[in-house]
C-alpha cells in the first residue's frame, strides 16, 4: 500500500477513530465524576490528547453530550492538548 492508498483508507475510516476516542473520553470522564462525587468535589478536569484529524469533532461531541446531561462545560487549549472541564456545582 502506498501513502495515497493509506490516506484514502484512513479517510474512509476516520469516523471509527472519532467514535473510539469519544467513547474512551466518556468512560474516563464518567469515572472521574464518580470518584469526585465520593469525596465531595463538584468538578473534574481531564487533559485530552487527540489526533488533530479528530480533535474538533470529538470535543464538540463531548461538549454536547455533557451539556445535555446538565453539566457546565469548559475547554481550554494547552500545548498539544485540550483541558476538558466538567462542573455540576449550583450557582
N, C-alpha and C. Protein backbone atom coordinates (compact mmCIF):
# COMPACT_ATOMS: atom_id res chain seq x y z
N UNK A 1 0.86 -1.18 0.00
CA UNK A 1 0.00 0.00 0.00
C UNK A 1 0.90 1.23 0.00
N UNK A 2 0.63 2.15 -0.92
CA UNK A 2 1.42 3.39 -0.93
C UNK A 2 0.73 4.43 -0.04
N UNK A 3 1.35 5.59 0.12
CA UNK A 3 0.84 6.62 1.02
C UNK A 3 -0.53 7.13 0.59
N UNK A 4 -0.75 7.28 -0.71
CA UNK A 4 -2.06 7.75 -1.19
C UNK A 4 -3.15 6.75 -0.84
N UNK A 5 -2.86 5.48 -1.00
CA UNK A 5 -3.84 4.44 -0.64
C UNK A 5 -4.08 4.42 0.87
N UNK A 6 -3.04 4.61 1.64
CA UNK A 6 -3.16 4.63 3.10
C UNK A 6 -4.02 5.82 3.53
N UNK A 7 -3.78 7.00 2.93
CA UNK A 7 -4.59 8.18 3.25
C UNK A 7 -6.06 7.95 2.91
N UNK A 8 -6.31 7.38 1.76
CA UNK A 8 -7.69 7.13 1.33
C UNK A 8 -8.38 6.16 2.29
N UNK A 9 -7.69 5.14 2.70
CA UNK A 9 -8.25 4.16 3.65
C UNK A 9 -8.52 4.82 5.00
N UNK A 10 -7.58 5.62 5.47
CA UNK A 10 -7.77 6.31 6.75
C UNK A 10 -8.92 7.30 6.68
N UNK A 11 -9.04 8.02 5.56
CA UNK A 11 -10.14 8.96 5.38
C UNK A 11 -11.49 8.25 5.48
N UNK A 12 -11.58 7.09 4.88
CA UNK A 12 -12.83 6.32 4.92
C UNK A 12 -13.17 5.90 6.34
N UNK A 13 -12.15 5.62 7.15
CA UNK A 13 -12.36 5.06 8.49
C UNK A 13 -12.22 6.06 9.63
N UNK A 14 -12.08 7.35 9.33
CA UNK A 14 -11.87 8.34 10.39
C UNK A 14 -13.05 8.38 11.35
N UNK A 15 -14.26 8.09 10.90
CA UNK A 15 -15.42 8.09 11.79
C UNK A 15 -15.27 7.02 12.89
N UNK A 16 -14.59 5.95 12.58
CA UNK A 16 -14.33 4.90 13.59
C UNK A 16 -13.41 5.44 14.68
N UNK A 17 -12.43 6.23 14.28
CA UNK A 17 -11.50 6.81 15.26
C UNK A 17 -12.22 7.83 16.13
N UNK A 18 -13.11 8.63 15.54
CA UNK A 18 -13.89 9.60 16.32
C UNK A 18 -14.72 8.86 17.36
N UNK A 19 -15.41 7.82 16.95
CA UNK A 19 -16.25 7.04 17.86
C UNK A 19 -15.42 6.43 18.97
N UNK A 20 -14.25 5.89 18.64
CA UNK A 20 -13.38 5.27 19.63
C UNK A 20 -12.88 6.30 20.65
N UNK A 21 -12.37 7.43 20.17
CA UNK A 21 -11.83 8.46 21.08
C UNK A 21 -12.93 9.07 21.94
N UNK A 22 -14.13 9.27 21.38
CA UNK A 22 -15.26 9.78 22.14
C UNK A 22 -15.62 8.79 23.26
N UNK A 23 -15.73 7.53 22.93
CA UNK A 23 -16.07 6.50 23.92
C UNK A 23 -15.04 6.41 25.03
N UNK A 24 -13.77 6.47 24.68
CA UNK A 24 -12.72 6.42 25.70
C UNK A 24 -12.80 7.63 26.63
N UNK A 25 -13.04 8.81 26.06
CA UNK A 25 -13.13 10.02 26.88
C UNK A 25 -14.34 9.97 27.79
N UNK A 26 -15.50 9.56 27.28
CA UNK A 26 -16.71 9.46 28.11
C UNK A 26 -16.48 8.50 29.28
N UNK A 27 -15.87 7.38 29.01
CA UNK A 27 -15.59 6.41 30.07
C UNK A 27 -14.69 7.02 31.15
N UNK A 28 -13.65 7.70 30.72
CA UNK A 28 -12.72 8.31 31.68
C UNK A 28 -13.38 9.45 32.45
N UNK A 29 -14.15 10.29 31.76
CA UNK A 29 -14.84 11.40 32.43
C UNK A 29 -15.85 10.88 33.44
N UNK A 30 -16.62 9.87 33.06
CA UNK A 30 -17.61 9.30 33.98
C UNK A 30 -16.95 8.74 35.24
N UNK A 31 -15.81 8.09 35.08
CA UNK A 31 -15.07 7.58 36.24
C UNK A 31 -14.59 8.72 37.11
N UNK A 32 -14.06 9.78 36.49
CA UNK A 32 -13.60 10.93 37.26
C UNK A 32 -14.75 11.59 38.02
N UNK A 33 -15.91 11.71 37.39
CA UNK A 33 -17.07 12.31 38.06
C UNK A 33 -17.49 11.45 39.25
N UNK A 34 -17.57 10.17 39.05
CA UNK A 34 -17.98 9.26 40.13
C UNK A 34 -17.01 9.36 41.31
N UNK A 35 -15.72 9.36 41.03
CA UNK A 35 -14.72 9.45 42.10
C UNK A 35 -14.75 10.81 42.79
N UNK A 36 -14.98 11.87 42.02
CA UNK A 36 -15.03 13.22 42.60
C UNK A 36 -16.23 13.36 43.53
N UNK A 37 -17.37 12.81 43.13
CA UNK A 37 -18.56 12.94 43.98
C UNK A 37 -18.39 12.20 45.30
N UNK A 38 -17.62 11.15 45.29
CA UNK A 38 -17.40 10.36 46.52
C UNK A 38 -16.62 11.13 47.58
N UNK A 39 -15.88 12.15 47.13
CA UNK A 39 -15.11 12.94 48.10
C UNK A 39 -15.62 14.38 48.21
N UNK A 40 -16.82 14.63 47.66
CA UNK A 40 -17.47 15.92 47.83
C UNK A 40 -17.03 17.00 46.87
N UNK A 41 -16.34 16.66 45.79
CA UNK A 41 -15.94 17.67 44.81
C UNK A 41 -17.09 17.92 43.83
N UNK A 42 -17.05 19.06 43.15
CA UNK A 42 -18.11 19.45 42.24
C UNK A 42 -17.62 19.70 40.81
N UNK A 43 -16.42 19.27 40.50
CA UNK A 43 -15.92 19.44 39.14
C UNK A 43 -14.74 18.50 38.91
N UNK A 44 -14.49 18.27 37.63
CA UNK A 44 -13.31 17.48 37.24
C UNK A 44 -12.66 18.14 36.03
N UNK A 45 -11.41 17.84 35.82
CA UNK A 45 -10.67 18.28 34.65
C UNK A 45 -9.99 17.07 34.03
N UNK A 46 -10.01 17.00 32.72
CA UNK A 46 -9.34 15.92 32.01
C UNK A 46 -8.54 16.52 30.87
N UNK A 47 -7.28 16.17 30.79
CA UNK A 47 -6.42 16.62 29.70
C UNK A 47 -6.56 15.62 28.56
N UNK A 48 -7.06 16.10 27.42
CA UNK A 48 -7.28 15.26 26.26
C UNK A 48 -6.17 15.47 25.24
N UNK A 49 -5.56 14.38 24.85
CA UNK A 49 -4.56 14.42 23.78
C UNK A 49 -5.15 13.63 22.63
N UNK A 50 -5.59 14.35 21.61
CA UNK A 50 -6.30 13.74 20.49
C UNK A 50 -5.58 14.00 19.18
N UNK A 51 -5.66 13.05 18.25
CA UNK A 51 -5.10 13.32 16.92
C UNK A 51 -5.79 14.53 16.29
N UNK A 52 -5.04 15.36 15.64
CA UNK A 52 -5.56 16.59 15.05
C UNK A 52 -6.75 16.34 14.15
N UNK A 53 -6.73 15.26 13.41
CA UNK A 53 -7.78 14.99 12.43
C UNK A 53 -9.15 14.77 13.08
N UNK A 54 -9.20 14.38 14.35
CA UNK A 54 -10.48 14.12 15.03
C UNK A 54 -10.74 15.04 16.21
N UNK A 55 -9.78 15.84 16.58
CA UNK A 55 -9.86 16.64 17.81
C UNK A 55 -11.12 17.48 17.90
N UNK A 56 -11.40 18.31 16.92
CA UNK A 56 -12.55 19.21 16.99
C UNK A 56 -13.87 18.44 17.09
N UNK A 57 -14.02 17.40 16.31
CA UNK A 57 -15.26 16.63 16.32
C UNK A 57 -15.48 15.92 17.66
N UNK A 58 -14.43 15.32 18.20
CA UNK A 58 -14.55 14.63 19.49
C UNK A 58 -14.92 15.62 20.59
N UNK A 59 -14.25 16.75 20.63
CA UNK A 59 -14.54 17.75 21.67
C UNK A 59 -15.96 18.29 21.52
N UNK A 60 -16.39 18.56 20.30
CA UNK A 60 -17.77 19.03 20.08
C UNK A 60 -18.78 18.00 20.58
N UNK A 61 -18.53 16.73 20.31
CA UNK A 61 -19.44 15.68 20.76
C UNK A 61 -19.45 15.58 22.28
N UNK A 62 -18.27 15.71 22.91
CA UNK A 62 -18.19 15.66 24.37
C UNK A 62 -18.95 16.83 25.00
N UNK A 63 -18.74 18.02 24.47
CA UNK A 63 -19.43 19.21 24.99
C UNK A 63 -20.94 19.00 24.90
N UNK A 64 -21.41 18.58 23.75
CA UNK A 64 -22.84 18.36 23.54
C UNK A 64 -23.38 17.29 24.48
N UNK A 65 -22.67 16.19 24.60
CA UNK A 65 -23.09 15.07 25.44
C UNK A 65 -23.27 15.50 26.90
N UNK A 66 -22.27 16.17 27.45
CA UNK A 66 -22.33 16.53 28.87
C UNK A 66 -23.24 17.72 29.14
N UNK A 67 -23.38 18.63 28.19
CA UNK A 67 -24.35 19.72 28.37
C UNK A 67 -25.77 19.17 28.39
N UNK A 68 -26.04 18.19 27.54
CA UNK A 68 -27.36 17.56 27.52
C UNK A 68 -27.66 16.87 28.85
N UNK A 69 -26.64 16.46 29.56
CA UNK A 69 -26.82 15.83 30.87
C UNK A 69 -26.90 16.86 32.01
N UNK A 70 -26.79 18.15 31.68
CA UNK A 70 -26.95 19.20 32.67
C UNK A 70 -25.66 19.73 33.29
N UNK A 71 -24.53 19.28 32.80
CA UNK A 71 -23.25 19.76 33.33
C UNK A 71 -22.84 21.07 32.68
N UNK A 72 -22.04 21.85 33.40
CA UNK A 72 -21.40 23.03 32.83
C UNK A 72 -20.06 22.56 32.26
N UNK A 73 -19.76 22.98 31.05
CA UNK A 73 -18.58 22.50 30.35
C UNK A 73 -17.68 23.67 29.99
N UNK A 74 -16.39 23.45 30.10
CA UNK A 74 -15.41 24.42 29.63
C UNK A 74 -14.27 23.69 28.96
N UNK A 75 -13.62 24.35 28.03
CA UNK A 75 -12.43 23.79 27.40
C UNK A 75 -11.36 24.87 27.34
N UNK A 76 -10.15 24.43 27.37
CA UNK A 76 -9.04 25.35 27.28
C UNK A 76 -7.92 24.67 26.50
N UNK A 77 -7.39 25.37 25.52
CA UNK A 77 -6.32 24.80 24.70
C UNK A 77 -4.98 24.94 25.43
N UNK A 78 -4.30 23.84 25.53
CA UNK A 78 -2.96 23.80 26.11
C UNK A 78 -1.98 23.42 25.00
N UNK A 79 -0.72 23.40 25.30
CA UNK A 79 0.25 22.94 24.31
C UNK A 79 0.01 21.47 24.03
N UNK A 80 -0.35 21.15 22.82
CA UNK A 80 -0.52 19.77 22.36
C UNK A 80 -1.68 19.01 23.02
N UNK A 81 -2.57 19.70 23.72
CA UNK A 81 -3.70 19.02 24.35
C UNK A 81 -4.82 20.01 24.63
N UNK A 82 -5.95 19.48 25.08
CA UNK A 82 -7.10 20.30 25.44
C UNK A 82 -7.51 19.92 26.85
N UNK A 83 -7.74 20.91 27.70
CA UNK A 83 -8.25 20.68 29.04
C UNK A 83 -9.76 20.71 28.96
N UNK A 84 -10.40 19.62 29.35
CA UNK A 84 -11.86 19.50 29.31
C UNK A 84 -12.35 19.56 30.75
N UNK A 85 -13.19 20.55 31.03
CA UNK A 85 -13.66 20.79 32.41
C UNK A 85 -15.15 20.52 32.50
N UNK A 86 -15.54 19.77 33.54
CA UNK A 86 -16.94 19.43 33.77
C UNK A 86 -17.29 19.85 35.20
N UNK A 87 -18.39 20.59 35.36
CA UNK A 87 -18.81 21.06 36.67
C UNK A 87 -20.29 20.77 36.88
N UNK A 88 -20.64 20.44 38.11
CA UNK A 88 -22.04 20.23 38.48
C UNK A 88 -22.40 21.03 39.71
N UNK A 89 -21.61 22.07 39.99
CA UNK A 89 -21.85 22.94 41.15
C UNK A 89 -23.01 23.87 40.85
N UNK A 90 -23.88 24.07 41.83
CA UNK A 90 -25.00 25.01 41.68
C UNK A 90 -24.48 26.42 41.83
N UNK A 91 -25.08 27.34 41.09
CA UNK A 91 -24.65 28.75 41.19
C UNK A 91 -25.44 29.46 42.24
